[in-house]
Protein backbone atom coordinates (compact mmCIF):
# COMPACT_ATOMS: atom_id res chain seq x y z
CA UNK A 1 -0.01 -0.29 0.09
CA UNK A 2 1.17 3.59 -0.99
CA UNK A 3 1.88 5.81 2.13
CA UNK A 4 -0.15 8.86 2.71
CA UNK A 5 2.65 10.97 1.29
CA UNK A 6 2.47 8.84 -2.07
CA UNK A 7 -1.28 9.44 -2.03
CA UNK A 8 -1.16 13.18 -1.79
CA UNK A 9 1.06 13.36 -4.59
CA UNK A 10 -0.87 11.74 -6.68
CA UNK A 11 -4.20 13.27 -5.75
CA UNK A 12 -5.56 10.30 -3.45
CA UNK A 13 -6.37 10.29 0.01
CA UNK A 14 -7.27 7.46 2.18
CA UNK A 15 -9.96 7.55 4.99
CA UNK A 16 -11.41 5.32 7.49
CA UNK A 17 -14.81 6.11 8.57
CA UNK A 18 -16.52 4.30 11.64
CA UNK A 19 -18.99 1.85 10.56
CA UNK A 20 -18.81 2.74 6.98
CA UNK A 21 -15.39 1.11 5.78
CA UNK A 22 -12.64 2.79 4.02
CA UNK A 23 -13.00 5.66 1.59
CA UNK A 24 -10.61 7.18 -0.98
CA UNK A 25 -10.69 10.53 -2.20
CA UNK A 26 -9.56 10.94 -5.74
CA UNK A 27 -9.21 13.75 -8.18
CA UNK A 28 -11.02 13.87 -11.40
CA UNK A 29 -7.51 13.36 -13.37
CA UNK A 30 -6.36 10.51 -11.48
CA UNK A 31 -9.82 8.66 -11.65
CA UNK A 32 -9.63 9.16 -15.47
CA UNK A 33 -6.28 7.67 -15.66
CA UNK A 34 -7.05 4.96 -13.42
CA UNK A 35 -10.67 4.18 -13.82
CA UNK A 36 -10.42 0.34 -14.06
CA UNK A 37 -8.46 0.30 -10.57
CA UNK A 38 -11.06 2.70 -8.54
CA UNK A 39 -14.04 0.65 -9.86
CA UNK A 40 -12.18 -2.42 -8.71
CA UNK A 41 -11.67 -0.91 -5.28
CA UNK A 42 -15.42 -0.19 -5.44
CA UNK A 43 -16.27 -3.83 -6.37
CA UNK A 44 -14.44 -4.35 -2.87
CA UNK A 45 -16.23 -2.60 -0.79
CA UNK A 46 -13.89 0.75 -0.71
CA UNK A 47 -16.24 4.06 -1.03
CA UNK A 48 -14.59 6.15 -3.70
CA UNK A 49 -15.29 10.03 -3.31
CA UNK A 50 -14.20 11.77 -6.47
CA UNK A 51 -13.16 15.46 -6.12
CA UNK A 52 -12.54 18.36 -7.97
CA UNK A 53 -11.06 21.38 -6.39
CA UNK A 54 -11.01 19.96 -3.20
CA UNK A 55 -14.97 19.32 -3.31
CA UNK A 56 -16.59 16.05 -3.55
CA UNK A 57 -18.69 15.77 -6.67
CA UNK A 58 -19.45 11.99 -6.91
CA UNK A 59 -19.25 9.00 -4.94
CA UNK A 60 -18.60 5.24 -6.49
CA UNK A 61 -19.55 2.68 -4.31
CA UNK A 62 -20.84 -1.12 -4.74
CA UNK A 63 -24.57 -1.88 -5.24
CA UNK A 64 -26.28 -2.51 -2.13
CA UNK A 65 -27.03 -6.40 -1.36
CA UNK A 66 -30.62 -6.38 -2.50
CA UNK A 67 -29.57 -4.80 -6.21
CA UNK A 68 -26.79 -7.55 -6.68
CA UNK A 69 -27.72 -10.43 -8.81
CA UNK A 70 -27.69 -14.01 -6.80
CA UNK A 71 -25.92 -16.52 -9.15
CA UNK A 72 -27.05 -19.94 -9.13
CA UNK A 73 -24.60 -22.41 -10.30
CA UNK A 74 -25.87 -24.69 -12.75
CA UNK A 75 -29.04 -22.78 -13.53
CA UNK A 76 -28.55 -23.33 -17.20
CA UNK A 77 -27.81 -27.16 -16.96
CA UNK A 78 -29.14 -29.10 -20.06
CA UNK A 79 -30.21 -25.86 -21.85
CA UNK A 80 -26.99 -25.16 -23.62
CA UNK A 81 -26.19 -27.50 -26.69
CA UNK A 82 -23.21 -27.63 -29.12
CA UNK A 83 -23.73 -28.92 -32.72
CA UNK A 84 -22.61 -32.60 -33.27
CA UNK A 85 -19.63 -30.94 -35.54
CA UNK A 86 -18.63 -28.53 -33.29
CA UNK A 87 -15.01 -29.68 -33.01
CA UNK A 88 -14.60 -30.86 -36.67
CA UNK A 89 -12.51 -28.43 -38.69
CA UNK A 90 -14.05 -27.58 -42.19
CA UNK A 91 -11.95 -28.38 -45.11
CA UNK A 92 -9.25 -26.49 -46.57
CA UNK A 93 -9.02 -24.32 -43.18
CA UNK A 94 -6.01 -26.30 -41.73
CA UNK A 95 -4.26 -26.18 -45.26
CA UNK A 96 -4.79 -22.44 -45.21
CA UNK A 97 -3.12 -22.18 -41.80
CA UNK A 98 -0.34 -24.10 -42.68
CA UNK A 99 0.64 -21.71 -45.66
């Protein structure tokens, strides 16, 4: 984990709020450059507060449990079928790849 000095240099501040988990404050430019990272953080439960000129303008956080889809392993069992010739290579394709 970065130290707080490094976070401040790149526009990121980490805060702990009692009862609400960890929060990250990040500037708009930093968010644009590392969006995937901050979405991953949100998925893991960290609130990401987006700031512009030190004012919070938006918040990204994981959806509530009520909005998350419930996955059921095996729910499509017997509904997905492959054609009998799925793994048969059409004539001429192998020869074309070897050329």
